[in-house]
Structure formats: C-alpha cells, structure tokens
Amino acid sequence: MTVYFAAARTPAKSPLARAFQRRELPTAANDNPGGIDSDHLLHSALRHFAKHGLRAAEEARKEAEKSFFAGDRESYQWWLGICRTLDRRMAAQIQSGKSLG
C-alpha cells in the first residue's frame, strides 16, 4: 500500500492565518479634512440649503459666477466653496470654466 503525504502549508497561506490578518480599514466616505473654516462653510451651506432647497447648489453657482464676473475673488471663493459642499460636480464645472458665460 502506497502512502501519500500532503505538503505542509506555509503559515501565511493557512485559512486561519488569513482570517486573523489585520486588514487596513478604509476611511469613511464622509471623513473630509477640515477645521473651523470648514465647519463655518458647512454651516453656511446648510443654511443656504434650508433657504433654497434642492436648487441651493444652482443658486450658489449663480452667486459664484456673479462674483467672478464682478472681479470679487474672495466672494467667488466663498460661493464656490458653498457650491462644492452641496454639489462637487457643479463646482468642478465652474472651476473648469464650462458654466461661466
């Protein structure tokens, strides 16, 4: 009678070793870096949303464009930040110049 032996498993490839491995957890989707200025911007964006509802990002875009064409850089950045908080794609379009007259 012939006896066959299975090759020994390496510790790293065993099912138990894989089960007990520490995997790096992904960060939450809503973990955005920020600080006091970011909190102030978020608070303002939420108030803007409360006032304008679902068209809040569009209204922020209009304000950003108005400020851009008036040459008011600080106001433009503020409204762009509010627009970015509400709708990142729309803010990216503003920055790329697609929606600017």
PDB file of N, CA and C in Angstrom:
ATOM      1  N   MET A   1       0.830  -1.162   0.000  1.00  0.00           N
ATOM      2  CA  MET A   1       0.000   0.000   0.000  1.00  0.00           C
ATOM      3  C   MET A   1       0.884   1.239   0.000  1.00  0.00           C
ATOM      4  N   THR A   2       0.587   2.178  -0.870  1.00  0.00           N
ATOM      5  CA  THR A   2       1.364   3.398  -1.009  1.00  0.00           C
ATOM      6  C   THR A   2       0.763   4.490  -0.123  1.00  0.00           C
ATOM      7  N   VAL A   3       1.611   5.222   0.555  1.00  0.00           N
ATOM      8  CA  VAL A   3       1.159   6.307   1.422  1.00  0.00           C
ATOM      9  C   VAL A   3       1.588   7.630   0.782  1.00  0.00           C
ATOM     10  N   TYR A   4       0.643   8.538   0.650  1.00  0.00           N
ATOM     11  CA  TYR A   4       0.920   9.859   0.091  1.00  0.00           C
ATOM     12  C   TYR A   4       0.860  10.894   1.205  1.00  0.00           C
ATOM     13  N   PHE A   5       1.789  11.804   1.174  1.00  0.00           N
ATOM     14  CA  PHE A   5       1.819  12.865   2.158  1.00  0.00           C
ATOM     15  C   PHE A   5       1.529  14.198   1.468  1.00  0.00           C
ATOM     16  N   ALA A   6       0.727  14.999   2.102  1.00  0.00           N
ATOM     17  CA  ALA A   6       0.453  16.331   1.574  1.00  0.00           C
ATOM     18  C   ALA A   6       1.568  17.263   2.038  1.00  0.00           C
ATOM     19  N   ALA A   7       1.904  18.199   1.187  1.00  0.00           N
ATOM     20  CA  ALA A   7       2.934  19.168   1.548  1.00  0.00           C
ATOM     21  C   ALA A   7       2.431  20.047   2.694  1.00  0.00           C
ATOM     22  N   ALA A   8       3.322  20.437   3.551  1.00  0.00           N
ATOM     23  CA  ALA A   8       2.956  21.293   4.675  1.00  0.00           C
ATOM     24  C   ALA A   8       2.575  22.680   4.160  1.00  0.00           C
ATOM     25  N   ARG A   9       1.597  23.258   4.796  1.00  0.00           N
ATOM     26  CA  ARG A   9       1.174  24.611   4.419  1.00  0.00           C
ATOM     27  C   ARG A   9       2.110  25.633   5.045  1.00  0.00           C
ATOM     28  N   THR A  10       2.307  26.699   4.336  1.00  0.00           N
ATOM     29  CA  THR A  10       3.065  27.790   4.943  1.00  0.00           C
ATOM     30  C   THR A  10       2.119  28.540   5.869  1.00  0.00           C
ATOM     31  N   PRO A  11       2.605  29.051   6.963  1.00  0.00           N
ATOM     32  CA  PRO A  11       1.723  29.719   7.926  1.00  0.00           C
ATOM     33  C   PRO A  11       0.953  30.896   7.324  1.00  0.00           C
ATOM     34  N   ALA A  12       1.548  31.591   6.398  1.00  0.00           N
ATOM     35  CA  ALA A  12       0.884  32.764   5.835  1.00  0.00           C
ATOM     36  C   ALA A  12      -0.294  32.394   4.944  1.00  0.00           C
ATOM     37  N   LYS A  13      -0.300  31.185   4.413  1.00  0.00           N
ATOM     38  CA  LYS A  13      -1.347  30.785   3.482  1.00  0.00           C
ATOM     39  C   LYS A  13      -2.456  29.954   4.131  1.00  0.00           C
ATOM     40  N   SER A  14      -2.350  29.677   5.400  1.00  0.00           N
ATOM     41  CA  SER A  14      -3.376  28.863   6.041  1.00  0.00           C
ATOM     42  C   SER A  14      -4.664  29.673   6.195  1.00  0.00           C
ATOM     43  N   PRO A  15      -5.800  29.011   6.194  1.00  0.00           N
ATOM     44  CA  PRO A  15      -7.079  29.721   6.338  1.00  0.00           C
ATOM     45  C   PRO A  15      -7.179  30.494   7.649  1.00  0.00           C
ATOM     46  N   LEU A  16      -6.635  29.957   8.719  1.00  0.00           N
ATOM     47  CA  LEU A  16      -6.693  30.674   9.997  1.00  0.00           C
ATOM     48  C   LEU A  16      -5.828  31.924   9.980  1.00  0.00           C
ATOM     49  N   ALA A  17      -4.658  31.825   9.379  1.00  0.00           N
ATOM     50  CA  ALA A  17      -3.786  32.995   9.317  1.00  0.00           C
ATOM     51  C   ALA A  17      -4.446  34.102   8.504  1.00  0.00           C
ATOM     52  N   ARG A  18      -5.098  33.746   7.409  1.00  0.00           N
ATOM     53  CA  ARG A  18      -5.786  34.757   6.600  1.00  0.00           C
ATOM     54  C   ARG A  18      -6.956  35.367   7.364  1.00  0.00           C
ATOM     55  N   ALA A  19      -7.652  34.545   8.147  1.00  0.00           N
ATOM     56  CA  ALA A  19      -8.802  35.046   8.904  1.00  0.00           C
ATOM     57  C   ALA A  19      -8.380  36.023   9.999  1.00  0.00           C
ATOM     58  N   PHE A  20      -7.202  35.787  10.576  1.00  0.00           N
ATOM     59  CA  PHE A  20      -6.758  36.640  11.673  1.00  0.00           C
ATOM     60  C   PHE A  20      -5.871  37.801  11.241  1.00  0.00           C
ATOM     61  N   GLN A  21      -5.662  37.963   9.967  1.00  0.00           N
ATOM     62  CA  GLN A  21      -4.858  39.083   9.491  1.00  0.00           C
ATOM     63  C   GLN A  21      -5.587  40.395   9.758  1.00  0.00           C
ATOM     64  N   ARG A  22      -4.820  41.387  10.113  1.00  0.00           N
ATOM     65  CA  ARG A  22      -5.393  42.719  10.290  1.00  0.00           C
ATOM     66  C   ARG A  22      -5.414  43.402   8.939  1.00  0.00           C
ATOM     67  N   ARG A  23      -6.589  43.762   8.532  1.00  0.00           N
ATOM     68  CA  ARG A  23      -6.732  44.465   7.267  1.00  0.00           C
ATOM     69  C   ARG A  23      -6.897  45.946   7.546  1.00  0.00           C
ATOM     70  N   GLU A  24      -6.345  46.739   6.662  1.00  0.00           N
ATOM     71  CA  GLU A  24      -6.483  48.183   6.823  1.00  0.00           C
ATOM     72  C   GLU A  24      -7.908  48.574   6.475  1.00  0.00           C
ATOM     73  N   LEU A  25      -8.557  49.271   7.400  1.00  0.00           N
ATOM     74  CA  LEU A  25      -9.928  49.673   7.173  1.00  0.00           C
ATOM     75  C   LEU A  25      -9.964  50.943   6.334  1.00  0.00           C
ATOM     76  N   PRO A  26     -10.841  50.989   5.347  1.00  0.00           N
ATOM     77  CA  PRO A  26     -10.943  52.213   4.555  1.00  0.00           C
ATOM     78  C   PRO A  26     -11.576  53.324   5.395  1.00  0.00           C
ATOM     79  N   THR A  27     -11.255  54.544   5.072  1.00  0.00           N
ATOM     80  CA  THR A  27     -11.856  55.660   5.794  1.00  0.00           C
ATOM     81  C   THR A  27     -13.287  55.849   5.321  1.00  0.00           C
ATOM     82  N   ALA A  28     -14.068  56.437   6.152  1.00  0.00           N
ATOM     83  CA  ALA A  28     -15.464  56.684   5.804  1.00  0.00           C
ATOM     84  C   ALA A  28     -15.541  57.713   4.679  1.00  0.00           C
ATOM     85  N   ALA A  29     -16.575  57.596   3.880  1.00  0.00           N
ATOM     86  CA  ALA A  29     -16.733  58.497   2.733  1.00  0.00           C
ATOM     87  C   ALA A  29     -16.960  59.934   3.173  1.00  0.00           C
ATOM     88  N   ASN A  30     -17.485  60.135   4.358  1.00  0.00           N
ATOM     89  CA  ASN A  30     -17.771  61.490   4.811  1.00  0.00           C
ATOM     90  C   ASN A  30     -16.693  62.065   5.720  1.00  0.00           C
ATOM     91  N   ASP A  31     -15.522  61.436   5.770  1.00  0.00           N
ATOM     92  CA  ASP A  31     -14.418  61.955   6.568  1.00  0.00           C
ATOM     93  C   ASP A  31     -13.595  62.930   5.735  1.00  0.00           C
ATOM     94  N   ASN A  32     -14.072  64.119   5.639  1.00  0.00           N
ATOM     95  CA  ASN A  32     -13.370  65.144   4.876  1.00  0.00           C
ATOM     96  C   ASN A  32     -12.461  65.922   5.817  1.00  0.00           C
ATOM     97  N   PRO A  33     -11.260  66.233   5.368  1.00  0.00           N
ATOM     98  CA  PRO A  33     -10.402  67.046   6.233  1.00  0.00           C
ATOM     99  C   PRO A  33     -10.992  68.442   6.368  1.00  0.00           C
ATOM    100  N   GLY A  34     -10.855  69.009   7.497  1.00  0.00           N
ATOM    101  CA  GLY A  34     -11.411  70.343   7.679  1.00  0.00           C
ATOM    102  C   GLY A  34     -11.090  70.868   9.055  1.00  0.00           C
ATOM    103  N   GLY A  35     -11.505  72.068   9.280  1.00  0.00           N
ATOM    104  CA  GLY A  35     -11.260  72.701  10.558  1.00  0.00           C
ATOM    105  C   GLY A  35     -12.368  73.674  10.848  1.00  0.00           C
ATOM    106  N   ILE A  36     -12.023  74.738  11.521  1.00  0.00           N
ATOM    107  CA  ILE A  36     -13.020  75.741  11.892  1.00  0.00           C
ATOM    108  C   ILE A  36     -13.600  76.407  10.651  1.00  0.00           C
ATOM    109  N   ASP A  37     -12.743  76.754   9.697  1.00  0.00           N
ATOM    110  CA  ASP A  37     -13.239  77.377   8.471  1.00  0.00           C
ATOM    111  C   ASP A  37     -14.163  76.430   7.722  1.00  0.00           C
ATOM    112  N   SER A  38     -13.805  75.163   7.707  1.00  0.00           N
ATOM    113  CA  SER A  38     -14.634  74.166   7.040  1.00  0.00           C
ATOM    114  C   SER A  38     -15.981  74.031   7.739  1.00  0.00           C
ATOM    115  N   ASP A  39     -15.976  74.060   9.059  1.00  0.00           N
ATOM    116  CA  ASP A  39     -17.229  73.977   9.809  1.00  0.00           C
ATOM    117  C   ASP A  39     -18.101  75.192   9.538  1.00  0.00           C
ATOM    118  N   HIS A  40     -17.486  76.356   9.447  1.00  0.00           N
ATOM    119  CA  HIS A  40     -18.231  77.580   9.153  1.00  0.00           C
ATOM    120  C   HIS A  40     -18.833  77.503   7.752  1.00  0.00           C
ATOM    121  N   LEU A  41     -18.065  77.003   6.805  1.00  0.00           N
ATOM    122  CA  LEU A  41     -18.554  76.850   5.443  1.00  0.00           C
ATOM    123  C   LEU A  41     -19.689  75.835   5.390  1.00  0.00           C
ATOM    124  N   LEU A  42     -19.557  74.726   6.105  1.00  0.00           N
ATOM    125  CA  LEU A  42     -20.608  73.717   6.146  1.00  0.00           C
ATOM    126  C   LEU A  42     -21.884  74.292   6.745  1.00  0.00           C
ATOM    127  N   HIS A  43     -21.751  75.030   7.828  1.00  0.00           N
ATOM    128  CA  HIS A  43     -22.906  75.652   8.472  1.00  0.00           C
ATOM    129  C   HIS A  43     -23.600  76.619   7.499  1.00  0.00           C
ATOM    130  N   SER A  44     -22.808  77.410   6.794  1.00  0.00           N
ATOM    131  CA  SER A  44     -23.379  78.352   5.825  1.00  0.00           C
ATOM    132  C   SER A  44     -24.038  77.627   4.659  1.00  0.00           C
ATOM    133  N   ALA A  45     -23.433  76.530   4.212  1.00  0.00           N
ATOM    134  CA  ALA A  45     -24.014  75.750   3.116  1.00  0.00           C
ATOM    135  C   ALA A  45     -25.342  75.133   3.543  1.00  0.00           C
ATOM    136  N   LEU A  46     -25.412  74.670   4.773  1.00  0.00           N
ATOM    137  CA  LEU A  46     -26.664  74.094   5.261  1.00  0.00           C
ATOM    138  C   LEU A  46     -27.749  75.154   5.400  1.00  0.00           C
ATOM    139  N   ARG A  47     -27.373  76.336   5.837  1.00  0.00           N
ATOM    140  CA  ARG A  47     -28.352  77.428   5.917  1.00  0.00           C
ATOM    141  C   ARG A  47     -28.823  77.824   4.518  1.00  0.00           C
ATOM    142  N   HIS A  48     -27.898  77.838   3.562  1.00  0.00           N
ATOM    143  CA  HIS A  48     -28.229  78.148   2.169  1.00  0.00           C
ATOM    144  C   HIS A  48     -29.177  77.077   1.615  1.00  0.00           C
ATOM    145  N   PHE A  49     -28.918  75.824   1.962  1.00  0.00           N
ATOM    146  CA  PHE A  49     -29.780  74.731   1.523  1.00  0.00           C
ATOM    147  C   PHE A  49     -31.171  74.859   2.156  1.00  0.00           C
ATOM    148  N   ALA A  50     -31.223  75.255   3.423  1.00  0.00           N
ATOM    149  CA  ALA A  50     -32.512  75.428   4.096  1.00  0.00           C
ATOM    150  C   ALA A  50     -33.323  76.533   3.432  1.00  0.00           C
ATOM    151  N   LYS A  51     -32.640  77.545   2.946  1.00  0.00           N
ATOM    152  CA  LYS A  51     -33.333  78.673   2.308  1.00  0.00           C
ATOM    153  C   LYS A  51     -33.787  78.322   0.886  1.00  0.00           C
ATOM    154  N   HIS A  52     -32.952  77.624   0.113  1.00  0.00           N
ATOM    155  CA  HIS A  52     -33.232  77.414  -1.307  1.00  0.00           C
ATOM    156  C   HIS A  52     -33.658  75.995  -1.673  1.00  0.00           C
ATOM    157  N   GLY A  53     -33.539  75.065  -0.750  1.00  0.00           N
ATOM    158  CA  GLY A  53     -33.961  73.692  -1.037  1.00  0.00           C
ATOM    159  C   GLY A  53     -33.067  73.021  -2.069  1.00  0.00           C
ATOM    160  N   LEU A  54     -33.659  72.226  -2.945  1.00  0.00           N
ATOM    161  CA  LEU A  54     -32.891  71.432  -3.900  1.00  0.00           C
ATOM    162  C   LEU A  54     -32.169  72.262  -4.954  1.00  0.00           C
ATOM    163  N   ARG A  55     -32.549  73.503  -5.115  1.00  0.00           N
ATOM    164  CA  ARG A  55     -31.853  74.357  -6.084  1.00  0.00           C
ATOM    165  C   ARG A  55     -30.728  75.172  -5.430  1.00  0.00           C
ATOM    166  N   ALA A  56     -30.343  74.813  -4.223  1.00  0.00           N
ATOM    167  CA  ALA A  56     -29.332  75.568  -3.478  1.00  0.00           C
ATOM    168  C   ALA A  56     -27.987  75.583  -4.186  1.00  0.00           C
ATOM    169  N   ALA A  57     -27.560  74.461  -4.738  1.00  0.00           N
ATOM    170  CA  ALA A  57     -26.272  74.417  -5.433  1.00  0.00           C
ATOM    171  C   ALA A  57     -26.313  75.316  -6.672  1.00  0.00           C
ATOM    172  N   GLU A  58     -27.425  75.300  -7.380  1.00  0.00           N
ATOM    173  CA  GLU A  58     -27.580  76.157  -8.564  1.00  0.00           C
ATOM    174  C   GLU A  58     -27.525  77.636  -8.181  1.00  0.00           C
ATOM    175  N   GLU A  59     -28.168  77.989  -7.083  1.00  0.00           N
ATOM    176  CA  GLU A  59     -28.132  79.377  -6.608  1.00  0.00           C
ATOM    177  C   GLU A  59     -26.720  79.769  -6.188  1.00  0.00           C
ATOM    178  N   ALA A  60     -26.003  78.867  -5.540  1.00  0.00           N
ATOM    179  CA  ALA A  60     -24.621  79.147  -5.153  1.00  0.00           C
ATOM    180  C   ALA A  60     -23.749  79.312  -6.402  1.00  0.00           C
ATOM    181  N   ARG A  61     -24.010  78.502  -7.433  1.00  0.00           N
ATOM    182  CA  ARG A  61     -23.277  78.631  -8.699  1.00  0.00           C
ATOM    183  C   ARG A  61     -23.515  80.008  -9.321  1.00  0.00           C
ATOM    184  N   LYS A  62     -24.767  80.452  -9.313  1.00  0.00           N
ATOM    185  CA  LYS A  62     -25.096  81.772  -9.871  1.00  0.00           C
ATOM    186  C   LYS A  62     -24.371  82.884  -9.108  1.00  0.00           C
ATOM    187  N   GLU A  63     -24.351  82.761  -7.786  1.00  0.00           N
ATOM    188  CA  GLU A  63     -23.653  83.761  -6.968  1.00  0.00           C
ATOM    189  C   GLU A  63     -22.147  83.734  -7.240  1.00  0.00           C
ATOM    190  N   ALA A  64     -21.594  82.548  -7.404  1.00  0.00           N
ATOM    191  CA  ALA A  64     -20.159  82.428  -7.709  1.00  0.00           C
ATOM    192  C   ALA A  64     -19.842  83.061  -9.056  1.00  0.00           C
ATOM    193  N   GLU A  65     -20.689  82.814 -10.045  1.00  0.00           N
ATOM    194  CA  GLU A  65     -20.467  83.404 -11.376  1.00  0.00           C
ATOM    195  C   GLU A  65     -20.598  84.920 -11.327  1.00  0.00           C
ATOM    196  N   LYS A  66     -21.592  85.404 -10.575  1.00  0.00           N
ATOM    197  CA  LYS A  66     -21.779  86.847 -10.447  1.00  0.00           C
ATOM    198  C   LYS A  66     -20.546  87.488  -9.813  1.00  0.00           C
ATOM    199  N   SER A  67     -20.021  86.854  -8.783  1.00  0.00           N
ATOM    200  CA  SER A  67     -18.820  87.368  -8.107  1.00  0.00           C
ATOM    201  C   SER A  67     -17.603  87.288  -9.022  1.00  0.00           C
ATOM    202  N   PHE A  68     -17.502  86.213  -9.799  1.00  0.00           N
ATOM    203  CA  PHE A  68     -16.380  86.054 -10.718  1.00  0.00           C
ATOM    204  C   PHE A  68     -16.341  87.182 -11.742  1.00  0.00           C
ATOM    205  N   PHE A  69     -17.484  87.460 -12.338  1.00  0.00           N
ATOM    206  CA  PHE A  69     -17.528  88.491 -13.363  1.00  0.00           C
ATOM    207  C   PHE A  69     -17.446  89.903 -12.789  1.00  0.00           C
ATOM    208  N   ALA A  70     -17.758  90.046 -11.503  1.00  0.00           N
ATOM    209  CA  ALA A  70     -17.606  91.345 -10.844  1.00  0.00           C
ATOM    210  C   ALA A  70     -16.166  91.549 -10.374  1.00  0.00           C
ATOM    211  N   GLY A  71     -15.353  90.506 -10.449  1.00  0.00           N
ATOM    212  CA  GLY A  71     -13.955  90.620 -10.034  1.00  0.00           C
ATOM    213  C   GLY A  71     -13.748  90.475  -8.541  1.00  0.00           C
ATOM    214  N   ASP A  72     -14.751  90.026  -7.823  1.00  0.00           N
ATOM    215  CA  ASP A  72     -14.661  89.858  -6.375  1.00  0.00           C
ATOM    216  C   ASP A  72     -14.168  88.438  -6.076  1.00  0.00           C
ATOM    217  N   ARG A  73     -12.853  88.274  -5.986  1.00  0.00           N
ATOM    218  CA  ARG A  73     -12.236  86.952  -5.843  1.00  0.00           C
ATOM    219  C   ARG A  73     -12.617  86.271  -4.525  1.00  0.00           C
ATOM    220  N   GLU A  74     -12.653  87.041  -3.445  1.00  0.00           N
ATOM    221  CA  GLU A  74     -12.971  86.473  -2.139  1.00  0.00           C
ATOM    222  C   GLU A  74     -14.404  85.937  -2.099  1.00  0.00           C
ATOM    223  N   SER A  75     -15.342  86.703  -2.607  1.00  0.00           N
ATOM    224  CA  SER A  75     -16.733  86.263  -2.651  1.00  0.00           C
ATOM    225  C   SER A  75     -16.897  85.068  -3.588  1.00  0.00           C
ATOM    226  N   TYR A  76     -16.172  85.089  -4.696  1.00  0.00           N
ATOM    227  CA  TYR A  76     -16.203  83.961  -5.634  1.00  0.00           C
ATOM    228  C   TYR A  76     -15.755  82.679  -4.946  1.00  0.00           C
ATOM    229  N   GLN A  77     -14.648  82.742  -4.195  1.00  0.00           N
ATOM    230  CA  GLN A  77     -14.149  81.558  -3.490  1.00  0.00           C
ATOM    231  C   GLN A  77     -15.152  81.068  -2.438  1.00  0.00           C
ATOM    232  N   TRP A  78     -15.816  82.020  -1.770  1.00  0.00           N
ATOM    233  CA  TRP A  78     -16.810  81.661  -0.761  1.00  0.00           C
ATOM    234  C   TRP A  78     -17.977  80.904  -1.400  1.00  0.00           C
ATOM    235  N   TRP A  79     -18.540  81.458  -2.468  1.00  0.00           N
ATOM    236  CA  TRP A  79     -19.681  80.814  -3.112  1.00  0.00           C
ATOM    237  C   TRP A  79     -19.278  79.514  -3.802  1.00  0.00           C
ATOM    238  N   LEU A  80     -18.068  79.468  -4.309  1.00  0.00           N
ATOM    239  CA  LEU A  80     -17.578  78.227  -4.893  1.00  0.00           C
ATOM    240  C   LEU A  80     -17.463  77.150  -3.811  1.00  0.00           C
ATOM    241  N   GLY A  81     -17.025  77.522  -2.628  1.00  0.00           N
ATOM    242  CA  GLY A  81     -16.945  76.583  -1.510  1.00  0.00           C
ATOM    243  C   GLY A  81     -18.311  76.078  -1.094  1.00  0.00           C
ATOM    244  N   ILE A  82     -19.297  76.949  -1.068  1.00  0.00           N
ATOM    245  CA  ILE A  82     -20.658  76.524  -0.742  1.00  0.00           C
ATOM    246  C   ILE A  82     -21.180  75.597  -1.826  1.00  0.00           C
ATOM    247  N   CYS A  83     -20.948  75.948  -3.079  1.00  0.00           N
ATOM    248  CA  CYS A  83     -21.377  75.103  -4.192  1.00  0.00           C
ATOM    249  C   CYS A  83     -20.683  73.741  -4.114  1.00  0.00           C
ATOM    250  N   ARG A  84     -19.391  73.730  -3.794  1.00  0.00           N
ATOM    251  CA  ARG A  84     -18.637  72.475  -3.693  1.00  0.00           C
ATOM    252  C   ARG A  84     -19.170  71.607  -2.556  1.00  0.00           C
ATOM    253  N   THR A  85     -19.574  72.240  -1.466  1.00  0.00           N
ATOM    254  CA  THR A  85     -20.136  71.498  -0.345  1.00  0.00           C
ATOM    255  C   THR A  85     -21.450  70.821  -0.738  1.00  0.00           C
ATOM    256  N   LEU A  86     -22.233  71.503  -1.564  1.00  0.00           N
ATOM    257  CA  LEU A  86     -23.539  70.981  -1.954  1.00  0.00           C
ATOM    258  C   LEU A  86     -23.474  70.063  -3.174  1.00  0.00           C
ATOM    259  N   ASP A  87     -22.583  70.373  -4.137  1.00  0.00           N
ATOM    260  CA  ASP A  87     -22.518  69.590  -5.379  1.00  0.00           C
ATOM    261  C   ASP A  87     -21.112  69.713  -5.965  1.00  0.00           C
ATOM    262  N   ARG A  88     -20.286  68.700  -5.733  1.00  0.00           N
ATOM    263  CA  ARG A  88     -18.884  68.733  -6.178  1.00  0.00           C
ATOM    264  C   ARG A  88     -18.758  68.823  -7.697  1.00  0.00           C
ATOM    265  N   ARG A  89     -19.619  68.111  -8.413  1.00  0.00           N
ATOM    266  CA  ARG A  89     -19.520  68.128  -9.883  1.00  0.00           C
ATOM    267  C   ARG A  89     -19.795  69.518 -10.437  1.00  0.00           C
ATOM    268  N   MET A  90     -20.801  70.171  -9.892  1.00  0.00           N
ATOM    269  CA  MET A  90     -21.123  71.513 -10.369  1.00  0.00           C
ATOM    270  C   MET A  90     -19.973  72.472 -10.075  1.00  0.00           C
ATOM    271  N   ALA A  91     -19.373  72.355  -8.906  1.00  0.00           N
ATOM    272  CA  ALA A  91     -18.240  73.208  -8.553  1.00  0.00           C
ATOM    273  C   ALA A  91     -17.058  72.942  -9.482  1.00  0.00           C
ATOM    274  N   ALA A  92     -16.840  71.677  -9.848  1.00  0.00           N
ATOM    275  CA  ALA A  92     -15.751  71.341 -10.770  1.00  0.00           C
ATOM    276  C   ALA A  92     -16.014  71.951 -12.148  1.00  0.00           C
ATOM    277  N   GLN A  93     -17.273  71.994 -12.567  1.00  0.00           N
ATOM    278  CA  GLN A  93     -17.614  72.620 -13.845  1.00  0.00           C
ATOM    279  C   GLN A  93     -17.365  74.116 -13.803  1.00  0.00           C
ATOM    280  N   ILE A  94     -17.661  74.731 -12.677  1.00  0.00           N
ATOM    281  CA  ILE A  94     -17.401  76.167 -12.539  1.00  0.00           C
ATOM    282  C   ILE A  94     -15.916  76.438 -12.661  1.00  0.00           C
ATOM    283  N   GLN A  95     -15.109  75.642 -11.952  1.00  0.00           N
ATOM    284  CA  GLN A  95     -13.670  75.858 -11.956  1.00  0.00           C
ATOM    285  C   GLN A  95     -13.060  75.594 -13.326  1.00  0.00           C
ATOM    286  N   SER A  96     -13.629  74.646 -14.060  1.00  0.00           N
ATOM    287  CA  SER A  96     -13.079  74.370 -15.392  1.00  0.00           C
ATOM    288  C   SER A  96     -13.549  75.379 -16.421  1.00  0.00           C
ATOM    289  N   GLY A  97     -14.506  76.229 -16.033  1.00  0.00           N
ATOM    290  CA  GLY A  97     -14.985  77.280 -16.929  1.00  0.00           C
ATOM    291  C   GLY A  97     -16.112  76.841 -17.853  1.00  0.00           C
ATOM    292  N   LYS A  98     -16.649  75.649 -17.658  1.00  0.00           N
ATOM    293  CA  LYS A  98     -17.714  75.176 -18.539  1.00  0.00           C
ATOM    294  C   LYS A  98     -19.022  75.918 -18.351  1.00  0.00           C
ATOM    295  N   SER A  99     -19.301  76.373 -17.136  1.00  0.00           N
ATOM    296  CA  SER A  99     -20.576  77.049 -16.923  1.00  0.00           C
ATOM    297  C   SER A  99     -20.436  78.570 -16.843  1.00  0.00           C
ATOM    298  N   LEU A 100     -19.216  79.058 -16.938  1.00  0.00           N
ATOM    299  CA  LEU A 100     -19.015  80.507 -16.902  1.00  0.00           C
ATOM    300  C   LEU A 100     -19.244  81.077 -18.303  1.00  0.00           C
ATOM    301  N   GLY A 101     -20.199  81.979 -18.392  1.00  0.00           N
ATOM    302  CA  GLY A 101     -20.613  82.618 -19.624  1.00  0.00           C
ATOM    303  C   GLY A 101     -19.651  82.524 -20.706  1.00  0.00           C
TER     304      GLY A 101
END
